[in-house]
Amino acid sequence: MYFAALLARTEDGWEASDTELDNVEALSDLTDLAREASVDEDTVLVVIEQEDAWFGVVRVDGEEDPRIYVSDAAAASRSSYGEILLTDELLGREPADPDALEELADLDGTEDGEPLNDDEDDEDAAVVEGDAVPAGPLGDTTILADLGMEEKALLSLGTDALAEVADALGASEVLETVR
């Protein structure tokens, strides 16, 4: 089960709205949603949580590039919503070639190369397009520091993480209205 919401900072505090991610295919789509919710180009947080598995925060400040934090990259990589957050830049790898999948497919629809052996899977990392995704936190650990949640507190969050994030930001009540 997923939960996703937008928290937009205003002069009067935070405003929350739930959001559907069905039409979001890339980080740019998510960033556009956040910018649409922004009041006077102020901070907007997109928060996404998958029950007890992982959570992510995307911070958009005006026209600046989005900042991203994911609590468990390996768990998020197994989620369609998590994959949106795990950009090549965040993972520290070269951008994927959009034509690479076409080049890998033979005319019969099979892929070149050896299939992955399930017995050799590393429990601490997921494989995305042949690259390992690290287990544990990934991204900007200071993403919420100026809003009331220090890096150490962010890294120590467990279950019900978004409620704790909202509490630190002073946005608990507004987040609960959309939950």
N, C-alpha and C. Protein backbone atom coordinates (compact mmCIF):
# COMPACT_ATOMS: atom_id res chain seq x y z
N MET A 1 0.84 -1.17 0.00
CA MET A 1 0.00 0.00 0.00
C MET A 1 0.88 1.24 0.00
N TYR A 2 0.57 2.17 -0.87
CA TYR A 2 1.31 3.41 -1.00
C TYR A 2 0.50 4.59 -0.47
N PHE A 3 1.22 5.59 -0.04
CA PHE A 3 0.62 6.87 0.31
C PHE A 3 1.50 7.94 -0.29
N ALA A 4 0.89 8.91 -0.94
CA ALA A 4 1.64 10.03 -1.52
C ALA A 4 0.87 11.31 -1.27
N ALA A 5 1.62 12.36 -0.91
CA ALA A 5 0.99 13.65 -0.65
C ALA A 5 1.96 14.77 -1.02
N LEU A 6 1.39 15.94 -1.22
CA LEU A 6 2.16 17.15 -1.44
C LEU A 6 2.00 18.03 -0.21
N LEU A 7 3.10 18.55 0.29
CA LEU A 7 3.08 19.52 1.38
C LEU A 7 3.66 20.82 0.83
N ALA A 8 2.82 21.83 0.71
CA ALA A 8 3.24 23.12 0.16
C ALA A 8 3.37 24.12 1.30
N ARG A 9 4.52 24.76 1.37
CA ARG A 9 4.77 25.75 2.41
C ARG A 9 4.16 27.08 1.98
N THR A 10 3.44 27.72 2.90
CA THR A 10 2.82 29.01 2.63
C THR A 10 3.18 29.97 3.77
N GLU A 11 2.75 31.21 3.65
CA GLU A 11 2.97 32.18 4.73
C GLU A 11 2.28 31.75 6.01
N ASP A 12 1.18 31.01 5.88
CA ASP A 12 0.38 30.60 7.03
C ASP A 12 0.75 29.21 7.54
N GLY A 13 1.77 28.60 7.02
CA GLY A 13 2.15 27.24 7.43
C GLY A 13 2.15 26.31 6.23
N TRP A 14 1.80 25.07 6.48
CA TRP A 14 1.81 24.05 5.42
C TRP A 14 0.40 23.75 4.96
N GLU A 15 0.25 23.48 3.67
CA GLU A 15 -0.99 23.00 3.08
C GLU A 15 -0.71 21.62 2.51
N ALA A 16 -1.59 20.69 2.74
CA ALA A 16 -1.39 19.32 2.26
C ALA A 16 -2.47 18.96 1.26
N SER A 17 -2.09 18.14 0.30
CA SER A 17 -3.04 17.56 -0.64
C SER A 17 -2.55 16.18 -1.02
N ASP A 18 -3.50 15.24 -1.08
CA ASP A 18 -3.07 13.92 -1.53
C ASP A 18 -2.89 13.99 -3.03
N THR A 19 -2.12 13.08 -3.54
CA THR A 19 -1.84 13.12 -4.97
C THR A 19 -1.82 11.71 -5.53
N GLU A 20 -2.32 11.59 -6.73
CA GLU A 20 -2.28 10.32 -7.45
C GLU A 20 -1.02 10.31 -8.30
N LEU A 21 -0.31 9.22 -8.28
CA LEU A 21 0.92 9.11 -9.05
C LEU A 21 0.75 8.25 -10.29
N ASP A 22 -0.50 7.90 -10.61
CA ASP A 22 -0.75 7.02 -11.76
C ASP A 22 -0.22 7.59 -13.07
N ASN A 23 -0.26 8.90 -13.25
CA ASN A 23 0.20 9.51 -14.50
C ASN A 23 1.64 10.02 -14.43
N VAL A 24 2.30 9.77 -13.31
CA VAL A 24 3.68 10.20 -13.13
C VAL A 24 4.60 9.09 -13.62
N GLU A 25 5.41 9.41 -14.63
CA GLU A 25 6.31 8.40 -15.19
C GLU A 25 7.78 8.71 -14.93
N ALA A 26 8.07 9.96 -14.56
CA ALA A 26 9.46 10.36 -14.37
C ALA A 26 9.53 11.43 -13.29
N LEU A 27 10.74 11.67 -12.82
CA LEU A 27 10.95 12.70 -11.81
C LEU A 27 10.47 14.06 -12.31
N SER A 28 10.62 14.34 -13.58
CA SER A 28 10.18 15.62 -14.13
C SER A 28 8.66 15.80 -13.97
N ASP A 29 7.90 14.72 -14.13
CA ASP A 29 6.45 14.79 -13.93
C ASP A 29 6.12 15.10 -12.47
N LEU A 30 6.85 14.47 -11.56
CA LEU A 30 6.65 14.70 -10.13
C LEU A 30 7.03 16.14 -9.76
N THR A 31 8.10 16.63 -10.34
CA THR A 31 8.54 18.00 -10.10
C THR A 31 7.50 19.00 -10.61
N ASP A 32 6.93 18.72 -11.76
CA ASP A 32 5.88 19.59 -12.31
C ASP A 32 4.67 19.63 -11.39
N LEU A 33 4.27 18.47 -10.84
CA LEU A 33 3.16 18.43 -9.88
C LEU A 33 3.45 19.32 -8.68
N ALA A 34 4.67 19.22 -8.17
CA ALA A 34 5.06 20.01 -7.01
C ALA A 34 5.03 21.50 -7.33
N ARG A 35 5.54 21.87 -8.47
CA ARG A 35 5.57 23.29 -8.85
C ARG A 35 4.15 23.85 -9.02
N GLU A 36 3.24 23.03 -9.51
CA GLU A 36 1.85 23.46 -9.65
C GLU A 36 1.21 23.73 -8.29
N ALA A 37 1.65 23.00 -7.26
CA ALA A 37 1.09 23.17 -5.91
C ALA A 37 1.76 24.29 -5.13
N SER A 38 2.84 24.83 -5.67
CA SER A 38 3.63 25.85 -4.98
C SER A 38 2.88 27.18 -4.91
N VAL A 39 3.05 27.84 -3.77
CA VAL A 39 2.52 29.19 -3.58
C VAL A 39 3.72 30.13 -3.64
N ASP A 40 3.74 31.02 -4.60
CA ASP A 40 4.84 31.98 -4.75
C ASP A 40 6.20 31.31 -4.83
N GLU A 41 6.28 30.19 -5.52
CA GLU A 41 7.52 29.44 -5.71
C GLU A 41 8.20 29.06 -4.40
N ASP A 42 7.40 28.85 -3.35
CA ASP A 42 7.94 28.43 -2.07
C ASP A 42 8.16 26.92 -2.08
N THR A 43 8.68 26.40 -1.01
CA THR A 43 9.02 24.98 -0.90
C THR A 43 7.79 24.08 -0.98
N VAL A 44 7.92 23.01 -1.76
CA VAL A 44 6.91 21.96 -1.82
C VAL A 44 7.64 20.64 -1.61
N LEU A 45 7.07 19.81 -0.74
CA LEU A 45 7.61 18.47 -0.51
C LEU A 45 6.63 17.45 -1.08
N VAL A 46 7.15 16.51 -1.83
CA VAL A 46 6.37 15.36 -2.26
C VAL A 46 6.83 14.23 -1.37
N VAL A 47 5.90 13.64 -0.63
CA VAL A 47 6.24 12.54 0.26
C VAL A 47 5.55 11.28 -0.23
N ILE A 48 6.31 10.21 -0.29
CA ILE A 48 5.80 8.92 -0.76
C ILE A 48 6.23 7.87 0.25
N GLU A 49 5.31 6.98 0.59
CA GLU A 49 5.62 5.94 1.56
C GLU A 49 5.00 4.62 1.12
N GLN A 50 5.78 3.56 1.21
CA GLN A 50 5.25 2.22 1.03
C GLN A 50 5.34 1.56 2.39
N GLU A 51 4.20 1.07 2.88
CA GLU A 51 4.11 0.51 4.23
C GLU A 51 5.35 -0.25 4.66
N ASP A 52 5.97 0.21 5.71
CA ASP A 52 7.08 -0.47 6.38
C ASP A 52 8.24 -0.89 5.47
N ALA A 53 8.27 -0.42 4.24
CA ALA A 53 9.36 -0.81 3.33
C ALA A 53 10.31 0.34 3.06
N TRP A 54 9.78 1.48 2.67
CA TRP A 54 10.61 2.64 2.35
C TRP A 54 9.75 3.89 2.27
N PHE A 55 10.40 5.03 2.34
CA PHE A 55 9.73 6.29 2.09
C PHE A 55 10.69 7.19 1.33
N GLY A 56 10.12 8.17 0.66
CA GLY A 56 10.94 9.12 -0.08
C GLY A 56 10.39 10.53 0.06
N VAL A 57 11.30 11.48 -0.05
CA VAL A 57 10.93 12.90 -0.01
C VAL A 57 11.59 13.57 -1.20
N VAL A 58 10.80 14.31 -1.95
CA VAL A 58 11.33 15.13 -3.03
C VAL A 58 11.02 16.57 -2.64
N ARG A 59 12.05 17.39 -2.63
CA ARG A 59 11.88 18.80 -2.28
C ARG A 59 12.09 19.65 -3.52
N VAL A 60 11.11 20.52 -3.77
CA VAL A 60 11.18 21.43 -4.90
C VAL A 60 11.08 22.85 -4.34
N ASP A 61 12.12 23.63 -4.60
CA ASP A 61 12.16 25.04 -4.19
C ASP A 61 12.20 25.90 -5.45
N GLY A 62 11.05 26.44 -5.83
CA GLY A 62 10.98 27.28 -7.02
C GLY A 62 11.43 26.54 -8.26
N GLU A 63 12.33 27.14 -9.01
CA GLU A 63 12.81 26.55 -10.25
C GLU A 63 14.11 25.75 -10.07
N GLU A 64 14.57 25.60 -8.82
CA GLU A 64 15.78 24.83 -8.57
C GLU A 64 15.54 23.35 -8.88
N ASP A 65 16.63 22.63 -9.11
CA ASP A 65 16.52 21.19 -9.33
C ASP A 65 15.97 20.53 -8.07
N PRO A 66 15.16 19.50 -8.23
CA PRO A 66 14.60 18.83 -7.06
C PRO A 66 15.70 18.13 -6.25
N ARG A 67 15.51 18.09 -4.95
CA ARG A 67 16.38 17.35 -4.05
C ARG A 67 15.62 16.12 -3.61
N ILE A 68 16.33 15.00 -3.49
CA ILE A 68 15.67 13.71 -3.24
C ILE A 68 16.33 12.99 -2.08
N TYR A 69 15.50 12.35 -1.26
CA TYR A 69 15.98 11.44 -0.22
C TYR A 69 15.10 10.20 -0.26
N VAL A 70 15.73 9.03 -0.24
CA VAL A 70 15.02 7.75 -0.20
C VAL A 70 15.57 6.96 0.97
N SER A 71 14.69 6.44 1.83
CA SER A 71 15.12 5.77 3.06
C SER A 71 15.79 4.43 2.80
N ASP A 72 15.38 3.72 1.77
CA ASP A 72 15.99 2.43 1.43
C ASP A 72 15.94 2.26 -0.08
N ALA A 73 17.06 2.55 -0.72
CA ALA A 73 17.12 2.55 -2.18
C ALA A 73 16.82 1.17 -2.77
N ALA A 74 17.33 0.12 -2.15
CA ALA A 74 17.11 -1.23 -2.68
C ALA A 74 15.62 -1.58 -2.65
N ALA A 75 14.94 -1.27 -1.55
CA ALA A 75 13.51 -1.53 -1.46
C ALA A 75 12.74 -0.66 -2.46
N ALA A 76 13.13 0.59 -2.58
CA ALA A 76 12.44 1.50 -3.51
C ALA A 76 12.63 1.07 -4.95
N SER A 77 13.77 0.46 -5.27
CA SER A 77 14.03 0.05 -6.65
C SER A 77 13.09 -1.06 -7.10
N ARG A 78 12.46 -1.73 -6.17
CA ARG A 78 11.51 -2.79 -6.51
C ARG A 78 10.08 -2.25 -6.61
N SER A 79 9.94 -0.94 -6.57
CA SER A 79 8.65 -0.29 -6.60
C SER A 79 8.59 0.64 -7.81
N SER A 80 7.47 0.66 -8.48
CA SER A 80 7.35 1.56 -9.64
C SER A 80 7.46 3.02 -9.21
N TYR A 81 6.93 3.37 -8.05
CA TYR A 81 7.05 4.75 -7.58
C TYR A 81 8.46 5.04 -7.11
N GLY A 82 9.10 4.07 -6.50
CA GLY A 82 10.48 4.24 -6.07
C GLY A 82 11.42 4.45 -7.23
N GLU A 83 11.17 3.75 -8.32
CA GLU A 83 12.02 3.89 -9.50
C GLU A 83 12.00 5.31 -10.06
N ILE A 84 10.90 6.02 -9.84
CA ILE A 84 10.81 7.41 -10.30
C ILE A 84 11.85 8.26 -9.57
N LEU A 85 12.05 7.98 -8.29
CA LEU A 85 12.96 8.76 -7.46
C LEU A 85 14.42 8.38 -7.67
N LEU A 86 14.66 7.14 -8.06
CA LEU A 86 16.03 6.64 -8.19
C LEU A 86 16.59 6.97 -9.58
N THR A 87 16.91 8.22 -9.76
CA THR A 87 17.44 8.68 -11.04
C THR A 87 18.88 8.21 -11.20
N ASP A 88 19.35 8.22 -12.43
CA ASP A 88 20.75 7.87 -12.69
C ASP A 88 21.69 8.78 -11.90
N GLU A 89 21.36 10.06 -11.85
CA GLU A 89 22.21 11.01 -11.11
C GLU A 89 22.27 10.64 -9.63
N LEU A 90 21.13 10.31 -9.03
CA LEU A 90 21.10 9.94 -7.62
C LEU A 90 21.90 8.67 -7.37
N LEU A 91 21.84 7.75 -8.31
CA LEU A 91 22.56 6.48 -8.17
C LEU A 91 24.03 6.59 -8.58
N GLY A 92 24.41 7.75 -9.12
CA GLY A 92 25.80 7.96 -9.50
C GLY A 92 26.24 7.17 -10.71
N ARG A 93 25.35 7.04 -11.67
CA ARG A 93 25.71 6.31 -12.89
C ARG A 93 25.38 7.14 -14.11
N GLU A 94 25.93 6.74 -15.22
CA GLU A 94 25.68 7.44 -16.48
C GLU A 94 24.21 7.29 -16.86
N PRO A 95 23.62 8.35 -17.43
CA PRO A 95 22.23 8.26 -17.86
C PRO A 95 22.03 7.10 -18.83
N ALA A 96 20.90 6.43 -18.68
CA ALA A 96 20.58 5.29 -19.55
C ALA A 96 20.33 5.78 -20.97
N ASP A 97 20.77 4.99 -21.92
CA ASP A 97 20.52 5.27 -23.33
C ASP A 97 19.10 4.81 -23.65
N PRO A 98 18.21 5.71 -24.07
CA PRO A 98 16.83 5.31 -24.33
C PRO A 98 16.70 4.24 -25.41
N ASP A 99 17.71 4.13 -26.29
CA ASP A 99 17.64 3.13 -27.35
C ASP A 99 18.29 1.81 -26.94
N ALA A 100 18.83 1.75 -25.72
CA ALA A 100 19.56 0.56 -25.28
C ALA A 100 18.67 -0.69 -25.26
N LEU A 101 17.43 -0.56 -24.82
CA LEU A 101 16.55 -1.73 -24.76
C LEU A 101 16.27 -2.28 -26.15
N GLU A 102 16.10 -1.39 -27.12
CA GLU A 102 15.86 -1.86 -28.49
C GLU A 102 17.07 -2.59 -29.04
N GLU A 103 18.26 -2.10 -28.69
CA GLU A 103 19.48 -2.73 -29.18
C GLU A 103 19.71 -4.10 -28.54
N LEU A 104 19.20 -4.29 -27.31
CA LEU A 104 19.39 -5.57 -26.62
C LEU A 104 18.44 -6.66 -27.13
N ALA A 105 17.32 -6.27 -27.67
CA ALA A 105 16.32 -7.25 -28.07
C ALA A 105 16.63 -7.82 -29.45
N ASP A 106 16.61 -9.14 -29.53
CA ASP A 106 16.72 -9.81 -30.83
C ASP A 106 15.36 -9.75 -31.51
N LEU A 107 15.32 -10.14 -32.75
CA LEU A 107 14.05 -10.13 -33.47
C LEU A 107 13.04 -11.08 -32.87
N ASP A 108 13.52 -12.14 -32.19
CA ASP A 108 12.59 -13.08 -31.56
C ASP A 108 12.10 -12.59 -30.19
N GLY A 109 12.55 -11.40 -29.77
CA GLY A 109 12.08 -10.82 -28.51
C GLY A 109 12.91 -11.19 -27.31
N THR A 110 13.96 -11.98 -27.48
CA THR A 110 14.80 -12.33 -26.34
C THR A 110 15.92 -11.33 -26.20
N GLU A 111 16.50 -11.28 -25.01
CA GLU A 111 17.60 -10.35 -24.78
C GLU A 111 18.93 -11.05 -24.95
N ASP A 112 19.92 -10.31 -25.43
CA ASP A 112 21.28 -10.83 -25.53
C ASP A 112 21.87 -10.96 -24.14
N GLY A 113 22.83 -11.83 -23.99
CA GLY A 113 23.53 -11.95 -22.71
C GLY A 113 22.95 -13.06 -21.86
N GLU A 114 23.62 -13.29 -20.76
CA GLU A 114 23.21 -14.34 -19.83
C GLU A 114 22.10 -13.84 -18.91
N PRO A 115 21.10 -14.70 -18.61
CA PRO A 115 20.07 -14.30 -17.65
C PRO A 115 20.66 -14.25 -16.24
N LEU A 116 20.03 -13.44 -15.39
CA LEU A 116 20.47 -13.37 -14.01
C LEU A 116 20.20 -14.69 -13.31
N ASN A 117 21.13 -15.14 -12.48
CA ASN A 117 20.96 -16.34 -11.70
C ASN A 117 20.39 -15.95 -10.35
N ASP A 118 19.16 -16.42 -10.04
CA ASP A 118 18.51 -16.06 -8.79
C ASP A 118 19.28 -16.50 -7.57
N ASP A 119 20.09 -17.56 -7.69
CA ASP A 119 20.84 -18.06 -6.55
C ASP A 119 21.95 -17.11 -6.15
N GLU A 120 22.36 -16.22 -7.04
CA GLU A 120 23.47 -15.33 -6.76
C GLU A 120 23.01 -13.94 -6.35
N ASP A 121 21.70 -13.75 -6.15
CA ASP A 121 21.19 -12.44 -5.76
C ASP A 121 21.76 -12.02 -4.41
N ASP A 122 22.15 -10.77 -4.32
CA ASP A 122 22.64 -10.21 -3.08
C ASP A 122 21.43 -9.65 -2.34
N GLU A 123 21.21 -10.10 -1.11
CA GLU A 123 20.05 -9.66 -0.35
C GLU A 123 20.12 -8.18 0.02
N ASP A 124 21.32 -7.59 -0.01
CA ASP A 124 21.48 -6.21 0.40
C ASP A 124 21.43 -5.23 -0.75
N ALA A 125 21.20 -5.68 -1.96
CA ALA A 125 21.14 -4.76 -3.10
C ALA A 125 20.18 -5.31 -4.14
N ALA A 126 19.56 -4.40 -4.87
CA ALA A 126 18.69 -4.78 -5.97
C ALA A 126 19.43 -4.46 -7.25
N VAL A 127 19.04 -5.12 -8.33
CA VAL A 127 19.69 -4.88 -9.60
C VAL A 127 18.72 -4.14 -10.50
N VAL A 128 19.15 -3.01 -10.99
CA VAL A 128 18.36 -2.21 -11.91
C VAL A 128 19.21 -1.98 -13.14
N GLU A 129 18.77 -2.50 -14.27
CA GLU A 129 19.49 -2.35 -15.53
C GLU A 129 20.96 -2.71 -15.38
N GLY A 130 21.23 -3.77 -14.65
CA GLY A 130 22.58 -4.28 -14.53
C GLY A 130 23.43 -3.58 -13.49
N ASP A 131 22.93 -2.55 -12.84
CA ASP A 131 23.69 -1.84 -11.82
C ASP A 131 23.10 -2.12 -10.45
N ALA A 132 23.97 -2.30 -9.46
CA ALA A 132 23.51 -2.55 -8.10
C ALA A 132 22.98 -1.26 -7.49
N VAL A 133 21.90 -1.38 -6.76
CA VAL A 133 21.31 -0.27 -6.03
C VAL A 133 21.60 -0.54 -4.55
N PRO A 134 22.23 0.39 -3.86
CA PRO A 134 22.61 0.14 -2.48
C PRO A 134 21.41 0.02 -1.55
N ALA A 135 21.54 -0.85 -0.56
CA ALA A 135 20.52 -0.94 0.48
C ALA A 135 20.72 0.25 1.41
N GLY A 136 19.67 0.71 2.01
CA GLY A 136 19.76 1.81 2.95
C GLY A 136 19.51 3.15 2.31
N PRO A 137 19.71 4.21 3.09
CA PRO A 137 19.40 5.57 2.63
C PRO A 137 20.24 6.01 1.44
N LEU A 138 19.62 6.85 0.62
CA LEU A 138 20.31 7.39 -0.54
C LEU A 138 19.75 8.78 -0.82
N GLY A 139 20.63 9.69 -1.15
CA GLY A 139 20.19 11.03 -1.52
C GLY A 139 20.64 12.08 -0.52
N ASP A 140 19.91 13.18 -0.52
CA ASP A 140 20.25 14.35 0.28
C ASP A 140 19.72 14.19 1.70
N THR A 141 20.60 13.83 2.62
CA THR A 141 20.19 13.60 4.01
C THR A 141 19.93 14.90 4.77
N THR A 142 20.27 16.04 4.19
CA THR A 142 19.99 17.33 4.82
C THR A 142 18.78 18.02 4.19
N ILE A 143 17.99 17.27 3.45
CA ILE A 143 16.86 17.81 2.69
C ILE A 143 15.85 18.55 3.56
N LEU A 144 15.73 18.16 4.83
CA LEU A 144 14.75 18.78 5.72
C LEU A 144 15.39 19.53 6.88
N ALA A 145 16.70 19.65 6.89
CA ALA A 145 17.41 20.24 8.03
C ALA A 145 16.95 21.67 8.32
N ASP A 146 16.79 22.49 7.31
CA ASP A 146 16.38 23.87 7.55
C ASP A 146 14.88 24.00 7.85
N LEU A 147 14.16 22.89 7.76
CA LEU A 147 12.72 22.89 8.04
C LEU A 147 12.39 22.27 9.40
N GLY A 148 13.41 21.81 10.12
CA GLY A 148 13.17 21.30 11.47
C GLY A 148 13.52 19.85 11.70
N MET A 149 14.03 19.15 10.70
CA MET A 149 14.41 17.75 10.91
C MET A 149 15.87 17.58 10.50
N GLU A 150 16.70 17.37 11.49
CA GLU A 150 18.13 17.21 11.26
C GLU A 150 18.43 15.87 10.59
N GLU A 151 19.60 15.80 10.00
CA GLU A 151 20.06 14.61 9.27
C GLU A 151 19.97 13.35 10.13
N LYS A 152 20.46 13.41 11.35
CA LYS A 152 20.46 12.23 12.23
C LYS A 152 19.05 11.72 12.48
N ALA A 153 18.11 12.64 12.69
CA ALA A 153 16.72 12.25 12.92
C ALA A 153 16.12 11.61 11.66
N LEU A 154 16.42 12.16 10.51
CA LEU A 154 15.91 11.61 9.25
C LEU A 154 16.42 10.19 9.04
N LEU A 155 17.70 9.99 9.28
CA LEU A 155 18.31 8.67 9.08
C LEU A 155 17.81 7.63 10.07
N SER A 156 17.28 8.04 11.20
CA SER A 156 16.84 7.09 12.22
C SER A 156 15.36 6.73 12.12
N LEU A 157 14.65 7.30 11.15
CA LEU A 157 13.22 7.03 11.03
C LEU A 157 12.95 5.58 10.64
N GLY A 158 11.89 5.05 11.22
CA GLY A 158 11.47 3.68 10.90
C GLY A 158 10.07 3.68 10.34
N THR A 159 9.21 2.87 10.93
CA THR A 159 7.82 2.81 10.47
C THR A 159 7.11 4.11 10.82
N ASP A 160 6.10 4.43 10.06
CA ASP A 160 5.33 5.66 10.20
C ASP A 160 6.22 6.89 10.08
N ALA A 161 7.19 6.81 9.18
CA ALA A 161 8.18 7.86 9.01
C ALA A 161 7.55 9.18 8.59
N LEU A 162 6.57 9.15 7.71
CA LEU A 162 6.00 10.42 7.23
C LEU A 162 5.28 11.18 8.33
N ALA A 163 4.69 10.47 9.28
CA ALA A 163 4.06 11.14 10.42
C ALA A 163 5.12 11.86 11.26
N GLU A 164 6.28 11.24 11.42
CA GLU A 164 7.36 11.87 12.18
C GLU A 164 7.95 13.06 11.42
N VAL A 165 8.06 12.94 10.10
CA VAL A 165 8.53 14.05 9.28
C VAL A 165 7.56 15.22 9.42
N ALA A 166 6.27 14.94 9.26
CA ALA A 166 5.26 15.98 9.36
C ALA A 166 5.27 16.63 10.74
N ASP A 167 5.46 15.84 11.78
CA ASP A 167 5.52 16.38 13.13
C ASP A 167 6.70 17.34 13.28
N ALA A 168 7.86 16.97 12.76
CA ALA A 168 9.05 17.82 12.85
C ALA A 168 8.85 19.13 12.06
N LEU A 169 8.07 19.08 11.00
CA LEU A 169 7.83 20.27 10.18
C LEU A 169 6.68 21.13 10.70
N GLY A 170 5.94 20.59 11.67
CA GLY A 170 4.76 21.29 12.15
C GLY A 170 3.59 21.14 11.20
N ALA A 171 3.56 20.04 10.48
CA ALA A 171 2.52 19.81 9.47
C ALA A 171 1.69 18.55 9.74
N SER A 172 1.71 18.06 10.98
CA SER A 172 1.01 16.81 11.31
C SER A 172 -0.48 16.88 11.01
N GLU A 173 -1.11 17.95 11.46
CA GLU A 173 -2.56 18.05 11.30
C GLU A 173 -2.97 18.10 9.84
N VAL A 174 -2.24 18.89 9.04
CA VAL A 174 -2.63 19.00 7.63
C VAL A 174 -2.36 17.70 6.87
N LEU A 175 -1.30 16.98 7.25
CA LEU A 175 -1.01 15.71 6.57
C LEU A 175 -2.08 14.68 6.94
N GLU A 176 -2.51 14.67 8.19
CA GLU A 176 -3.54 13.71 8.61
C GLU A 176 -4.86 13.94 7.91
N THR A 177 -5.15 15.16 7.49
CA THR A 177 -6.40 15.44 6.79
C THR A 177 -6.47 14.78 5.42
N VAL A 178 -5.31 14.49 4.83
CA VAL A 178 -5.30 13.86 3.51
C VAL A 178 -4.95 12.39 3.58
N ARG A 179 -4.59 11.90 4.73
CA ARG A 179 -4.19 10.51 4.89
C ARG A 179 -5.36 9.58 4.88
